[in-house]
Structures are given as C-alpha cells and as structure tokens.
Amino acid sequence: MYSQAKYTDSTIDEYLQFDLESLVRYEYINGQIYPLLGESYNLKIISENIFSRLRTQLYGTNCHVFASDMKVRIEPINAFYYPEASVVKDSQDRDTYFKSRPCLIVEVISPITERIDRIEKLYSYRQIPSLQEYVLVHQSEMKIEVYRKTYGNNWLLETLAEETILKLQSVEVEMTMAEIYEDVEFE
C-alpha cells in the first residue's frame, strides 16, 4: 500500500524533475506523488531472477528489458509506476526517463502491495495499448498470475503454481518456477 502522498497537485514536469533529483523512487498518480515502500529480500531476488532471465533470453532481439529503476507512463490516466520489470519492443519508445509502450510488465506482490498491484495497477496498465501481458509474482509462495490481452481488448487470467513453466507469449520467453524462485526464502 502507498504511504501518504508526499506532494499533491503536482504537474508531470514537477514530478519528473523531483523524481530525477531524489535518492528515493516515487510514483505519480494524477497529481499525487507517493514514495515507494522498501523492498524485501524475496522481492529483490525474484525481480533479479526474472530480469536476468528476460535479459539473457531476449539478447540480440528487438526487445529492450528494463529493471525496476525504469518508470512506465500510463498516459490515459496520468500516472507513472515503477514495475519490477518491463519489456518494450516499440523502437519509437525512446524517452530516457520512462517508457510508455511496454508489451510486458512484471510486478512482485506482497501482502502490503497486493491490493494496489491486483486492482489499481491492473486497471491502470490495461490502459496501455501496447501491453500484452501483466504478470503478478507472489513473494510468499510459489504462485504467479498472468493477465493476457485477448481479442477485443479482453483479458484472460492464468494462474501458475509449483512445477509449472511461465510462458510469456508477448516476448516468446519461458522460465520455470524454480528459476524464478531460485534463492528465495519462504517463511
């Protein structure tokens, strides 16, 4: 969950400048600037595992893989988020500080962020015309949810559990649950 907004009624330009100069990352939602909460060990490990596998498997393709330090802009709703990973295929998406045309977005959820990731960000990310898959990775159990865009801008949910393979159709990448959860410590 977000903490209280640090600033309200901010313009996008003010947010981008503030975020650029800050040591802490902030997300922007319709004029409100929110600091991101700290990351757990499991979130960090899962994010790095997914990013490294995406980066390795997409090397030499037209796909650009970004880690959690690259913002995604959702223009229709006036928001900027920092997903754990994103992939952009569109060569016209050239902004230095954010991307607005990802085909894949990955968020690692916790009990604290689950409502935001599952409801608010799902709604927000679905407003991005280029987005084909939104992946929610649980950090407290081996469970992944993949939202895929289908015909007519409908979305289909696929839930994966242990011993399955995550198939990311948008970028033609596969990874096992063991690879994603490598070195994760469940309580």
C-alpha atoms as a PDB file:
ATOM      1  CA  MET A   1       0.000   0.000   0.000  1.00  0.00           C
ATOM      2  CA  TYR A   2       1.122   3.536  -0.593  1.00  0.00           C
ATOM      3  CA  SER A   3       2.067   5.752   2.269  1.00  0.00           C
ATOM      4  CA  GLN A   4       0.612   9.239   2.354  1.00  0.00           C
ATOM      5  CA  ALA A   5       1.235  11.367  -0.727  1.00  0.00           C
ATOM      6  CA  LYS A   6       4.405  13.415  -0.347  1.00  0.00           C
ATOM      7  CA  TYR A   7       3.134  16.117  -2.689  1.00  0.00           C
ATOM      8  CA  THR A   8      -0.288  16.829  -4.104  1.00  0.00           C
ATOM      9  CA  ASP A   9      -1.431  18.756  -7.173  1.00  0.00           C
ATOM     10  CA  SER A  10       1.936  18.307  -8.889  1.00  0.00           C
ATOM     11  CA  THR A  11       2.393  18.565 -12.634  1.00  0.00           C
ATOM     12  CA  ILE A  12       4.064  15.794 -14.598  1.00  0.00           C
ATOM     13  CA  ASP A  13       7.084  18.021 -15.222  1.00  0.00           C
ATOM     14  CA  GLU A  14       7.385  18.751 -11.487  1.00  0.00           C
ATOM     15  CA  TYR A  15       7.165  15.037 -10.710  1.00  0.00           C
ATOM     16  CA  LEU A  16       9.758  14.045 -13.304  1.00  0.00           C
ATOM     17  CA  GLN A  17      12.205  16.665 -12.025  1.00  0.00           C
ATOM     18  CA  PHE A  18      11.560  15.738  -8.379  1.00  0.00           C
ATOM     19  CA  ASP A  19      11.960  12.008  -9.081  1.00  0.00           C
ATOM     20  CA  LEU A  20      15.131  12.572 -11.096  1.00  0.00           C
ATOM     21  CA  GLU A  21      16.784  14.506  -8.240  1.00  0.00           C
ATOM     22  CA  SER A  22      15.645  12.174  -5.460  1.00  0.00           C
ATOM     23  CA  LEU A  23      17.529   9.249  -3.924  1.00  0.00           C
ATOM     24  CA  VAL A  24      14.170   7.583  -3.256  1.00  0.00           C
ATOM     25  CA  ARG A  25      11.828   6.437  -6.035  1.00  0.00           C
ATOM     26  CA  TYR A  26       8.374   7.963  -6.297  1.00  0.00           C
ATOM     27  CA  GLU A  27       5.278   7.032  -8.262  1.00  0.00           C
ATOM     28  CA  TYR A  28       2.856   9.572  -9.690  1.00  0.00           C
ATOM     29  CA  ILE A  29      -0.903   9.219  -9.869  1.00  0.00           C
ATOM     30  CA  ASN A  30      -2.919  12.121 -11.245  1.00  0.00           C
ATOM     31  CA  GLY A  31      -1.010  14.893  -9.465  1.00  0.00           C
ATOM     32  CA  GLN A  32      -0.163  12.924  -6.310  1.00  0.00           C
ATOM     33  CA  ILE A  33       3.442  11.878  -5.637  1.00  0.00           C
ATOM     34  CA  TYR A  34       3.925   8.757  -3.500  1.00  0.00           C
ATOM     35  CA  PRO A  35       7.206   7.366  -2.130  1.00  0.00           C
ATOM     36  CA  LEU A  36       7.766   3.682  -2.812  1.00  0.00           C
ATOM     37  CA  LEU A  37       7.984   1.396   0.172  1.00  0.00           C
ATOM     38  CA  GLY A  38      11.129  -0.593   0.927  1.00  0.00           C
ATOM     39  CA  GLU A  39      11.808  -3.860  -0.876  1.00  0.00           C
ATOM     40  CA  SER A  40      12.072  -7.218   0.864  1.00  0.00           C
ATOM     41  CA  TYR A  41      14.804  -9.786   0.272  1.00  0.00           C
ATOM     42  CA  ASN A  42      12.407 -12.057  -1.621  1.00  0.00           C
ATOM     43  CA  LEU A  43      11.127  -9.228  -3.820  1.00  0.00           C
ATOM     44  CA  LYS A  44      14.665  -8.266  -4.745  1.00  0.00           C
ATOM     45  CA  ILE A  45      15.740 -11.851  -5.508  1.00  0.00           C
ATOM     46  CA  ILE A  46      12.625 -12.649  -7.570  1.00  0.00           C
ATOM     47  CA  SER A  47      12.942  -9.383  -9.505  1.00  0.00           C
ATOM     48  CA  GLU A  48      16.604 -10.040 -10.274  1.00  0.00           C
ATOM     49  CA  ASN A  49      15.889 -13.634 -11.314  1.00  0.00           C
ATOM     50  CA  ILE A  50      13.165 -12.566 -13.741  1.00  0.00           C
ATOM     51  CA  PHE A  51      15.129  -9.613 -15.116  1.00  0.00           C
ATOM     52  CA  SER A  52      18.281 -11.656 -15.699  1.00  0.00           C
ATOM     53  CA  ARG A  53      16.403 -14.433 -17.481  1.00  0.00           C
ATOM     54  CA  LEU A  54      14.484 -11.960 -19.648  1.00  0.00           C
ATOM     55  CA  ARG A  55      17.690 -10.096 -20.471  1.00  0.00           C
ATOM     56  CA  THR A  56      19.567 -13.280 -21.362  1.00  0.00           C
ATOM     57  CA  GLN A  57      16.799 -14.813 -23.469  1.00  0.00           C
ATOM     58  CA  LEU A  58      15.991 -11.562 -25.298  1.00  0.00           C
ATOM     59  CA  TYR A  59      19.600 -10.625 -26.042  1.00  0.00           C
ATOM     60  CA  GLY A  60      20.002  -9.789 -29.729  1.00  0.00           C
ATOM     61  CA  THR A  61      16.281  -9.267 -30.366  1.00  0.00           C
ATOM     62  CA  ASN A  62      14.345  -6.047 -30.856  1.00  0.00           C
ATOM     63  CA  CYS A  63      13.170  -6.238 -27.223  1.00  0.00           C
ATOM     64  CA  HIS A  64      14.532  -3.904 -24.557  1.00  0.00           C
ATOM     65  CA  VAL A  65      14.353  -5.232 -20.990  1.00  0.00           C
ATOM     66  CA  PHE A  66      14.175  -2.811 -18.070  1.00  0.00           C
ATOM     67  CA  ALA A  67      14.577  -3.411 -14.349  1.00  0.00           C
ATOM     68  CA  SER A  68      12.770  -1.696 -11.501  1.00  0.00           C
ATOM     69  CA  ASP A  69      14.555   1.624 -11.989  1.00  0.00           C
ATOM     70  CA  MET A  70      12.684   2.442 -15.231  1.00  0.00           C
ATOM     71  CA  LYS A  71       9.292   4.103 -14.923  1.00  0.00           C
ATOM     72  CA  VAL A  72       6.286   3.217 -17.070  1.00  0.00           C
ATOM     73  CA  ARG A  73       3.984   6.050 -18.082  1.00  0.00           C
ATOM     74  CA  ILE A  74       0.253   5.451 -18.416  1.00  0.00           C
ATOM     75  CA  GLU A  75      -0.884   8.493 -20.369  1.00  0.00           C
ATOM     76  CA  PRO A  76      -4.664   7.874 -20.394  1.00  0.00           C
ATOM     77  CA  ILE A  77      -4.825   8.070 -16.589  1.00  0.00           C
ATOM     78  CA  ASN A  78      -1.919  10.440 -15.943  1.00  0.00           C
ATOM     79  CA  ALA A  79       0.275   8.037 -13.932  1.00  0.00           C
ATOM     80  CA  PHE A  80       3.860   6.775 -13.651  1.00  0.00           C
ATOM     81  CA  TYR A  81       4.738   3.473 -11.956  1.00  0.00           C
ATOM     82  CA  TYR A  82       7.969   1.574 -11.300  1.00  0.00           C
ATOM     83  CA  PRO A  83       7.287  -2.094 -12.126  1.00  0.00           C
ATOM     84  CA  GLU A  84       9.849  -4.731 -11.158  1.00  0.00           C
ATOM     85  CA  ALA A  85      10.484  -5.460 -14.856  1.00  0.00           C
ATOM     86  CA  SER A  86       9.173  -4.368 -18.233  1.00  0.00           C
ATOM     87  CA  VAL A  87       9.880  -5.141 -21.868  1.00  0.00           C
ATOM     88  CA  VAL A  88       9.494  -2.738 -24.791  1.00  0.00           C
ATOM     89  CA  LYS A  89       9.519  -3.797 -28.453  1.00  0.00           C
ATOM     90  CA  ASP A  90       8.490  -0.446 -29.928  1.00  0.00           C
ATOM     91  CA  SER A  91      11.511   1.367 -31.376  1.00  0.00           C
ATOM     92  CA  GLN A  92       9.628   4.686 -31.119  1.00  0.00           C
ATOM     93  CA  ASP A  93       9.524   4.436 -27.293  1.00  0.00           C
ATOM     94  CA  ARG A  94      12.736   6.426 -26.823  1.00  0.00           C
ATOM     95  CA  ASP A  95      12.241   8.586 -23.731  1.00  0.00           C
ATOM     96  CA  THR A  96      15.249   8.465 -21.422  1.00  0.00           C
ATOM     97  CA  TYR A  97      13.409   8.511 -18.083  1.00  0.00           C
ATOM     98  CA  PHE A  98      10.282   6.453 -18.736  1.00  0.00           C
ATOM     99  CA  LYS A  99       8.688   4.047 -21.196  1.00  0.00           C
ATOM    100  CA  SER A 100       5.112   4.330 -22.416  1.00  0.00           C
ATOM    101  CA  ARG A 101       4.751   1.360 -24.791  1.00  0.00           C
ATOM    102  CA  PRO A 102       5.688  -1.822 -22.917  1.00  0.00           C
ATOM    103  CA  CYS A 103       4.396  -5.179 -24.148  1.00  0.00           C
ATOM    104  CA  LEU A 104       5.151  -6.913 -20.824  1.00  0.00           C
ATOM    105  CA  ILE A 105       5.065  -5.679 -17.218  1.00  0.00           C
ATOM    106  CA  VAL A 106       6.027  -7.698 -14.124  1.00  0.00           C
ATOM    107  CA  GLU A 107       5.130  -6.788 -10.535  1.00  0.00           C
ATOM    108  CA  VAL A 108       6.182  -8.787  -7.465  1.00  0.00           C
ATOM    109  CA  ILE A 109       3.430  -8.574  -4.893  1.00  0.00           C
ATOM    110  CA  SER A 110       3.420  -8.694  -1.122  1.00  0.00           C
ATOM    111  CA  PRO A 111       0.534  -8.609   1.344  1.00  0.00           C
ATOM    112  CA  ILE A 112       1.108  -4.847   1.624  1.00  0.00           C
ATOM    113  CA  THR A 113       1.087  -4.118  -2.132  1.00  0.00           C
ATOM    114  CA  GLU A 114      -1.336  -6.817  -3.289  1.00  0.00           C
ATOM    115  CA  ARG A 115      -4.445  -4.624  -3.462  1.00  0.00           C
ATOM    116  CA  ILE A 116      -2.634  -1.919  -5.426  1.00  0.00           C
ATOM    117  CA  ASP A 117      -0.925  -4.374  -7.807  1.00  0.00           C
ATOM    118  CA  ARG A 118      -4.012  -6.529  -8.352  1.00  0.00           C
ATOM    119  CA  ILE A 119      -6.651  -3.793  -8.659  1.00  0.00           C
ATOM    120  CA  GLU A 120      -5.262  -0.303  -9.213  1.00  0.00           C
ATOM    121  CA  LYS A 121      -2.217  -1.185 -11.300  1.00  0.00           C
ATOM    122  CA  LEU A 122      -4.073  -3.883 -13.244  1.00  0.00           C
ATOM    123  CA  TYR A 123      -6.686  -1.300 -14.226  1.00  0.00           C
ATOM    124  CA  SER A 124      -4.015   1.299 -14.991  1.00  0.00           C
ATOM    125  CA  TYR A 125      -1.710  -0.925 -17.015  1.00  0.00           C
ATOM    126  CA  ARG A 126      -4.625  -2.222 -19.100  1.00  0.00           C
ATOM    127  CA  GLN A 127      -4.976   1.336 -20.446  1.00  0.00           C
ATOM    128  CA  ILE A 128      -1.635   0.942 -22.276  1.00  0.00           C
ATOM    129  CA  PRO A 129      -2.486  -0.089 -25.864  1.00  0.00           C
ATOM    130  CA  SER A 130       0.819  -1.947 -26.412  1.00  0.00           C
ATOM    131  CA  LEU A 131       0.593  -4.055 -23.233  1.00  0.00           C
ATOM    132  CA  GLN A 132       0.011  -7.744 -23.956  1.00  0.00           C
ATOM    133  CA  GLU A 133       0.850  -9.344 -20.590  1.00  0.00           C
ATOM    134  CA  TYR A 134       0.801  -8.253 -16.960  1.00  0.00           C
ATOM    135  CA  VAL A 135       2.464 -10.699 -14.563  1.00  0.00           C
ATOM    136  CA  LEU A 136       1.938 -10.780 -10.791  1.00  0.00           C
ATOM    137  CA  VAL A 137       4.529 -12.843  -8.928  1.00  0.00           C
ATOM    138  CA  HIS A 138       3.865 -13.729  -5.295  1.00  0.00           C
ATOM    139  CA  GLN A 139       6.855 -13.491  -2.976  1.00  0.00           C
ATOM    140  CA  SER A 140       5.464 -15.504  -0.051  1.00  0.00           C
ATOM    141  CA  GLU A 141       4.555 -18.621  -2.072  1.00  0.00           C
ATOM    142  CA  MET A 142       5.280 -20.151  -5.482  1.00  0.00           C
ATOM    143  CA  LYS A 143       2.371 -18.626  -7.351  1.00  0.00           C
ATOM    144  CA  ILE A 144       2.201 -16.476 -10.469  1.00  0.00           C
ATOM    145  CA  GLU A 145      -0.775 -14.833 -12.145  1.00  0.00           C
ATOM    146  CA  VAL A 146      -0.558 -13.838 -15.800  1.00  0.00           C
ATOM    147  CA  TYR A 147      -3.098 -11.455 -17.308  1.00  0.00           C
ATOM    148  CA  ARG A 148      -3.068 -11.729 -21.121  1.00  0.00           C
ATOM    149  CA  LYS A 149      -4.782  -9.465 -23.588  1.00  0.00           C
ATOM    150  CA  THR A 150      -7.036 -11.356 -25.974  1.00  0.00           C
ATOM    151  CA  TYR A 151      -9.170 -10.295 -28.913  1.00  0.00           C
ATOM    152  CA  GLY A 152     -11.409  -7.295 -28.366  1.00  0.00           C
ATOM    153  CA  ASN A 153      -9.229  -5.913 -25.574  1.00  0.00           C
ATOM    154  CA  ASN A 154     -10.430  -8.595 -23.154  1.00  0.00           C
ATOM    155  CA  TRP A 155      -8.040 -10.047 -20.585  1.00  0.00           C
ATOM    156  CA  LEU A 156      -7.617 -13.677 -19.611  1.00  0.00           C
ATOM    157  CA  LEU A 157      -6.129 -14.753 -16.256  1.00  0.00           C
ATOM    158  CA  GLU A 158      -3.837 -17.778 -15.991  1.00  0.00           C
ATOM    159  CA  THR A 159      -2.669 -18.885 -12.529  1.00  0.00           C
ATOM    160  CA  LEU A 160       0.525 -20.929 -12.200  1.00  0.00           C
ATOM    161  CA  ALA A 161       1.712 -22.941  -9.215  1.00  0.00           C
ATOM    162  CA  GLU A 162       4.776 -25.035  -8.393  1.00  0.00           C
ATOM    163  CA  GLU A 163       6.384 -27.224 -11.057  1.00  0.00           C
ATOM    164  CA  THR A 164       4.959 -25.281 -13.999  1.00  0.00           C
ATOM    165  CA  ILE A 165       6.549 -23.132 -16.673  1.00  0.00           C
ATOM    166  CA  LEU A 166       5.850 -19.438 -17.134  1.00  0.00           C
ATOM    167  CA  LYS A 167       5.304 -18.876 -20.858  1.00  0.00           C
ATOM    168  CA  LEU A 168       5.481 -15.204 -21.774  1.00  0.00           C
ATOM    169  CA  GLN A 169       3.817 -15.140 -25.172  1.00  0.00           C
ATOM    170  CA  SER A 170       4.416 -11.427 -25.753  1.00  0.00           C
ATOM    171  CA  VAL A 171       8.186 -11.954 -25.904  1.00  0.00           C
ATOM    172  CA  GLU A 172       8.385 -15.714 -26.591  1.00  0.00           C
ATOM    173  CA  VAL A 173      10.251 -16.452 -23.362  1.00  0.00           C
ATOM    174  CA  GLU A 174       9.829 -19.368 -20.981  1.00  0.00           C
ATOM    175  CA  MET A 175      11.160 -19.808 -17.454  1.00  0.00           C
ATOM    176  CA  THR A 176      10.493 -22.387 -14.791  1.00  0.00           C
ATOM    177  CA  MET A 177       9.130 -21.635 -11.365  1.00  0.00           C
ATOM    178  CA  ALA A 178      12.415 -22.994  -9.958  1.00  0.00           C
ATOM    179  CA  GLU A 179      14.340 -20.364 -11.949  1.00  0.00           C
ATOM    180  CA  ILE A 180      12.032 -17.557 -10.841  1.00  0.00           C
ATOM    181  CA  TYR A 181      12.131 -18.559  -7.170  1.00  0.00           C
ATOM    182  CA  GLU A 182      15.819 -19.543  -7.042  1.00  0.00           C
ATOM    183  CA  ASP A 183      17.364 -18.491  -3.672  1.00  0.00           C
ATOM    184  CA  VAL A 184      14.008 -17.289  -2.293  1.00  0.00           C
ATOM    185  CA  GLU A 185      13.469 -17.998   1.400  1.00  0.00           C
ATOM    186  CA  PHE A 186       9.861 -18.774   2.306  1.00  0.00           C
ATOM    187  CA  GLU A 187       8.855 -18.394   5.938  1.00  0.00           C
END
